[in-house]
Every structure is written in C-alpha cells, then in structure tokens.
N, C-alpha and C. Protein backbone atom coordinates (compact mmCIF):
# COMPACT_ATOMS: atom_id res chain seq x y z
N MET A 1 199.68 87.57 51.67
CA MET A 1 199.95 88.61 52.60
C MET A 1 198.55 88.75 53.36
N THR A 2 198.62 88.50 54.73
CA THR A 2 197.34 88.53 55.46
C THR A 2 197.48 89.83 56.40
N ALA A 3 196.37 90.60 56.48
CA ALA A 3 196.36 91.92 57.15
C ALA A 3 195.20 91.92 58.17
N LEU A 4 195.21 92.45 59.32
CA LEU A 4 194.13 92.68 60.08
C LEU A 4 193.94 94.28 60.15
N ILE A 5 192.64 94.67 59.92
CA ILE A 5 192.43 96.08 59.78
C ILE A 5 191.26 96.45 60.80
N GLU A 6 191.78 97.34 61.74
CA GLU A 6 190.87 97.91 62.75
C GLU A 6 189.97 99.04 61.93
N VAL A 7 188.69 98.91 62.00
CA VAL A 7 187.89 99.83 61.40
C VAL A 7 186.85 100.59 62.34
N LYS A 8 186.96 101.96 62.32
CA LYS A 8 186.06 102.71 63.19
C LYS A 8 184.88 103.23 62.22
N VAL A 9 183.72 103.08 62.57
CA VAL A 9 182.48 103.52 61.61
C VAL A 9 181.40 104.26 62.52
N THR A 10 180.67 104.91 61.90
CA THR A 10 179.47 105.49 62.28
C THR A 10 178.17 104.62 61.97
N PRO A 11 177.57 103.98 63.09
CA PRO A 11 176.45 103.20 62.72
C PRO A 11 175.35 103.94 62.19
N GLN A 12 174.59 103.35 61.22
CA GLN A 12 173.56 103.97 60.68
C GLN A 12 172.25 103.82 61.45
N ARG A 13 171.59 104.93 61.48
CA ARG A 13 170.28 104.90 62.33
C ARG A 13 169.21 103.92 61.80
N GLY A 14 168.86 103.14 62.82
CA GLY A 14 167.81 102.07 62.63
C GLY A 14 168.43 100.79 62.02
N LEU A 15 169.66 100.83 61.57
CA LEU A 15 170.33 99.65 60.99
C LEU A 15 171.51 99.16 61.80
N GLY A 16 172.10 100.07 62.64
CA GLY A 16 173.21 99.69 63.44
C GLY A 16 174.45 99.33 62.65
N PHE A 17 175.04 98.35 63.05
CA PHE A 17 176.39 98.00 62.38
C PHE A 17 176.20 97.00 61.18
N ASP A 18 175.06 96.34 61.28
CA ASP A 18 174.88 95.21 60.31
C ASP A 18 175.03 95.55 58.91
N SER A 19 174.41 96.60 58.58
CA SER A 19 174.30 97.19 56.98
C SER A 19 175.81 97.52 56.59
N ILE A 20 176.50 98.03 57.50
CA ILE A 20 177.97 98.36 57.16
C ILE A 20 178.88 97.18 57.04
N ALA A 21 178.68 96.23 57.99
CA ALA A 21 179.33 94.92 57.85
C ALA A 21 178.96 94.19 56.57
N GLU A 22 177.94 94.26 56.18
CA GLU A 22 177.40 93.74 54.89
C GLU A 22 178.02 94.33 53.67
N ARG A 23 178.19 95.54 53.69
CA ARG A 23 178.84 96.20 52.69
C ARG A 23 180.41 95.85 52.63
N ILE A 24 180.94 95.72 53.74
CA ILE A 24 182.37 95.52 53.92
C ILE A 24 182.51 93.94 53.38
N TYR A 25 181.76 93.09 54.02
CA TYR A 25 182.15 91.62 53.65
C TYR A 25 181.86 91.30 52.22
N GLN A 26 181.36 92.07 51.34
CA GLN A 26 180.98 91.73 49.91
C GLN A 26 182.22 91.65 49.23
N TYR A 27 183.37 92.44 49.73
CA TYR A 27 184.45 92.46 48.83
C TYR A 27 185.32 90.99 48.83
N GLU A 28 185.74 90.57 47.71
CA GLU A 28 186.14 89.13 47.66
C GLU A 28 187.58 89.14 48.34
N GLU A 29 188.20 90.20 48.59
CA GLU A 29 189.62 90.14 49.18
C GLU A 29 189.45 89.92 50.67
N ILE A 30 188.29 90.29 51.24
CA ILE A 30 188.04 89.97 52.78
C ILE A 30 187.55 88.61 52.98
N THR A 31 188.45 88.04 54.07
CA THR A 31 188.06 86.70 54.47
C THR A 31 187.14 86.68 55.86
N SER A 32 187.21 87.67 56.72
CA SER A 32 186.41 87.75 57.78
C SER A 32 186.20 89.18 58.16
N VAL A 33 185.07 89.27 58.89
CA VAL A 33 184.64 90.62 59.49
C VAL A 33 184.01 90.33 60.81
N TYR A 34 184.40 90.98 61.84
CA TYR A 34 184.09 90.71 63.28
C TYR A 34 183.70 92.08 63.97
N LEU A 35 182.50 92.17 64.47
CA LEU A 35 182.10 93.27 65.29
C LEU A 35 182.88 93.27 66.61
N MET A 36 183.50 94.23 67.03
CA MET A 36 184.34 94.20 68.15
C MET A 36 183.76 95.07 69.42
N SER A 37 184.29 94.86 70.60
CA SER A 37 184.20 95.82 71.73
C SER A 37 185.43 96.50 71.74
N GLY A 38 185.44 97.72 72.46
CA GLY A 38 186.76 98.42 72.75
C GLY A 38 186.86 99.65 71.80
N GLY A 39 188.11 99.97 71.36
CA GLY A 39 188.43 101.20 70.75
C GLY A 39 188.08 101.32 69.28
N PHE A 40 187.59 100.15 68.70
CA PHE A 40 187.25 100.12 67.21
C PHE A 40 186.20 99.25 67.06
N ASP A 41 185.44 99.35 65.93
CA ASP A 41 184.16 98.65 65.78
C ASP A 41 184.34 97.34 65.04
N PHE A 42 185.06 97.28 63.98
CA PHE A 42 185.26 95.91 63.16
C PHE A 42 186.67 95.70 63.13
N THR A 43 187.01 94.42 63.21
CA THR A 43 188.21 93.74 62.75
C THR A 43 187.83 93.14 61.33
N VAL A 44 188.61 93.54 60.37
CA VAL A 44 188.49 93.01 59.03
C VAL A 44 189.81 92.32 58.73
N ILE A 45 189.66 90.99 58.27
CA ILE A 45 190.84 90.21 57.78
C ILE A 45 190.77 90.19 56.32
N ILE A 46 191.91 90.57 55.77
CA ILE A 46 192.06 90.43 54.32
C ILE A 46 193.27 89.69 53.74
N GLU A 47 193.12 89.09 52.68
CA GLU A 47 194.25 88.51 52.01
C GLU A 47 194.59 89.17 50.68
N GLY A 48 195.87 89.39 50.35
CA GLY A 48 196.26 90.02 49.31
C GLY A 48 197.66 89.54 48.84
N LYS A 49 197.94 89.92 47.59
CA LYS A 49 199.29 89.25 47.06
C LYS A 49 200.51 89.92 47.60
N SER A 50 200.40 91.19 48.03
CA SER A 50 201.46 91.89 48.49
C SER A 50 200.87 92.94 49.55
N MET A 51 201.78 93.69 50.31
CA MET A 51 201.59 94.83 51.24
C MET A 51 200.79 95.89 50.38
N LYS A 52 201.39 96.16 49.26
CA LYS A 52 200.92 97.18 48.43
C LYS A 52 199.51 96.92 47.91
N ASP A 53 199.15 95.57 47.66
CA ASP A 53 197.77 95.31 47.19
C ASP A 53 196.85 95.56 48.44
N VAL A 54 197.19 95.10 49.55
CA VAL A 54 196.28 95.42 50.76
C VAL A 54 196.25 96.99 51.02
N ALA A 55 197.15 97.67 50.86
CA ALA A 55 197.17 99.14 51.08
C ALA A 55 196.34 99.77 50.06
N GLN A 56 196.39 99.25 48.78
CA GLN A 56 195.60 100.05 47.76
C GLN A 56 194.11 99.59 48.10
N PHE A 57 193.87 98.35 48.56
CA PHE A 57 192.47 97.94 48.87
C PHE A 57 191.85 98.98 50.01
N VAL A 58 192.65 99.27 51.01
CA VAL A 58 192.18 100.03 51.98
C VAL A 58 192.13 101.43 51.63
N ALA A 59 192.91 101.89 50.85
CA ALA A 59 192.86 103.31 50.35
C ALA A 59 191.82 103.45 49.24
N ASN A 60 191.51 102.57 48.39
CA ASN A 60 190.60 102.71 47.39
C ASN A 60 189.24 102.24 47.60
N LYS A 61 188.97 101.22 48.46
CA LYS A 61 187.71 100.68 48.54
C LYS A 61 187.14 100.70 49.99
N LEU A 62 188.09 100.37 51.00
CA LEU A 62 187.42 100.45 52.30
C LEU A 62 187.35 101.76 53.01
N SER A 63 188.42 102.71 52.93
CA SER A 63 188.41 104.05 53.62
C SER A 63 187.34 104.82 53.08
N PRO A 64 187.15 104.80 51.73
CA PRO A 64 186.10 105.74 51.03
C PRO A 64 184.61 105.54 51.48
N LEU A 65 184.42 104.37 52.06
CA LEU A 65 182.96 104.10 52.34
C LEU A 65 182.37 105.12 53.32
N ASP A 66 181.18 105.57 53.20
CA ASP A 66 180.49 106.59 53.79
C ASP A 66 180.55 106.51 55.28
N SER A 67 180.51 105.45 55.83
CA SER A 67 180.32 105.16 57.33
C SER A 67 181.68 104.97 58.01
N VAL A 68 182.85 104.83 57.21
CA VAL A 68 184.02 104.53 57.77
C VAL A 68 184.80 105.85 58.18
N LEU A 69 185.07 105.94 59.57
CA LEU A 69 185.77 107.10 60.14
C LEU A 69 187.22 106.94 59.99
N SER A 70 187.72 105.78 60.34
CA SER A 70 189.31 105.54 60.27
C SER A 70 189.52 104.04 60.16
N THR A 71 190.77 103.85 59.80
CA THR A 71 191.30 102.41 59.72
C THR A 71 192.72 102.38 60.18
N SER A 72 193.26 101.12 60.72
CA SER A 72 194.40 100.93 61.18
C SER A 72 194.86 99.59 60.59
N THR A 73 195.88 99.49 59.74
CA THR A 73 196.16 98.08 59.28
C THR A 73 197.36 97.48 59.90
N HIS A 74 197.30 96.20 60.22
CA HIS A 74 198.36 95.50 60.78
C HIS A 74 198.57 94.24 59.93
N PHE A 75 199.88 94.25 59.47
CA PHE A 75 200.31 93.13 58.46
C PHE A 75 200.78 91.96 59.44
N VAL A 76 200.36 90.69 58.94
CA VAL A 76 200.84 89.56 59.73
C VAL A 76 202.22 89.25 59.14
N LEU A 77 203.24 89.22 59.86
CA LEU A 77 204.58 89.07 59.36
C LEU A 77 205.07 87.45 59.47
N LYS A 78 204.45 86.87 60.45
CA LYS A 78 204.83 85.45 60.72
C LYS A 78 203.70 84.67 61.48
N LYS A 79 203.24 83.61 61.03
CA LYS A 79 202.32 82.84 61.78
C LYS A 79 202.95 81.74 62.44
N TYR A 80 202.56 81.57 63.83
CA TYR A 80 203.18 80.55 64.67
C TYR A 80 202.11 79.48 64.79
N LYS A 81 200.88 79.89 64.85
CA LYS A 81 199.72 78.91 65.11
C LYS A 81 198.57 79.45 64.38
N ASP A 82 197.92 78.71 63.52
CA ASP A 82 196.80 79.15 62.72
C ASP A 82 195.78 78.06 62.83
N TYR A 83 194.58 78.50 63.40
CA TYR A 83 193.36 77.69 63.42
C TYR A 83 193.67 76.37 63.98
N GLY A 84 194.45 76.41 65.11
CA GLY A 84 194.75 75.36 66.00
C GLY A 84 195.99 74.54 65.47
N THR A 85 196.70 74.83 64.36
CA THR A 85 197.72 74.01 63.72
C THR A 85 198.96 74.90 63.98
N VAL A 86 199.89 74.32 64.77
CA VAL A 86 201.16 74.90 64.95
C VAL A 86 201.94 74.77 63.66
N LEU A 87 202.49 75.98 63.16
CA LEU A 87 203.26 76.11 61.96
C LEU A 87 204.73 76.09 62.26
N GLY A 88 205.42 75.57 61.44
CA GLY A 88 206.94 75.52 61.46
C GLY A 88 207.67 75.00 62.61
N ALA A 89 206.87 74.20 63.45
CA ALA A 89 207.44 73.58 64.70
C ALA A 89 208.26 72.43 64.18
N GLU A 90 209.31 72.27 64.57
CA GLU A 90 210.27 71.02 64.25
C GLU A 90 209.69 69.83 64.97
N THR A 91 209.62 68.77 64.11
CA THR A 91 209.20 67.53 64.69
C THR A 91 210.34 66.59 64.94
N ARG A 92 210.37 66.08 66.15
CA ARG A 92 211.31 65.29 66.68
C ARG A 92 211.19 63.88 66.15
N ASP A 93 212.31 63.13 65.65
CA ASP A 93 212.25 61.81 65.25
C ASP A 93 212.37 60.97 66.50
N GLU A 94 211.10 60.35 66.80
CA GLU A 94 211.06 59.51 67.99
C GLU A 94 211.64 58.11 67.70
N ARG A 95 212.19 57.76 66.57
CA ARG A 95 212.59 56.36 66.33
C ARG A 95 213.96 56.14 67.05
N MET A 96 214.14 54.91 67.28
CA MET A 96 215.51 54.59 68.27
C MET A 96 216.54 54.49 67.14
N LEU A 97 217.76 55.04 67.54
CA LEU A 97 218.74 55.01 66.65
C LEU A 97 219.41 53.56 66.60
N VAL A 98 219.52 52.98 65.45
CA VAL A 98 220.16 51.64 65.43
C VAL A 98 221.38 51.87 64.53
N THR A 99 222.58 51.32 65.25
CA THR A 99 223.86 51.29 64.54
C THR A 99 224.31 49.91 64.38
N PRO A 100 225.11 49.71 63.27
CA PRO A 100 225.61 48.34 62.92
C PRO A 100 226.76 47.81 64.01
C-alpha cells in the first residue's frame, strides 16, 4: 500500500525545514520526502502492508512530532504509470496471423 501524505510543519528557527525533514526521513516506512511550495510543506511517500498500517504510522509516529501541525493522507488506489513504466497496458501481438 502506497500513500502520499501532505504535512504542514512549523520550521525551526535557524534550521528551517531541513532538520524536520531529516527527522521524518529516518523512518524506514518512508520512501521519499519532498519540500513543497503551496498549501503544505512536505510530501511524504510511505509504503505499508495495509491502509491500517499507514494510518497507524501517521497517528503514532508522524503526527506526534513536535513541529508537525497537520497531515492529510492520500492512498494510491491504482498505478497507471510509475517511474516511466506504463503499468497494466495491454500489449498487442504484432505478429501476422498465419492460417493453414
């Protein structure tokens, strides 16, 4: 189960976002952390065995961090293209049909 989590934080004086990002990316469940522009500060990508595992990680580990103001979790329901690879696309057989 893959999830994208929007995280709003309070940057630490003199350290900015870097120290918070470092605390977040230390968790083994997290595959990526991106500093974002716009309505939230970080996009965190997490892999878990189930939606429940991801929810428990957010509730027990991510949300309680001192600088975290809020989170919003988005579960990936289906991947169509991942890192340049189209997934699940039917391949057409280009061979010529030969009949006796």
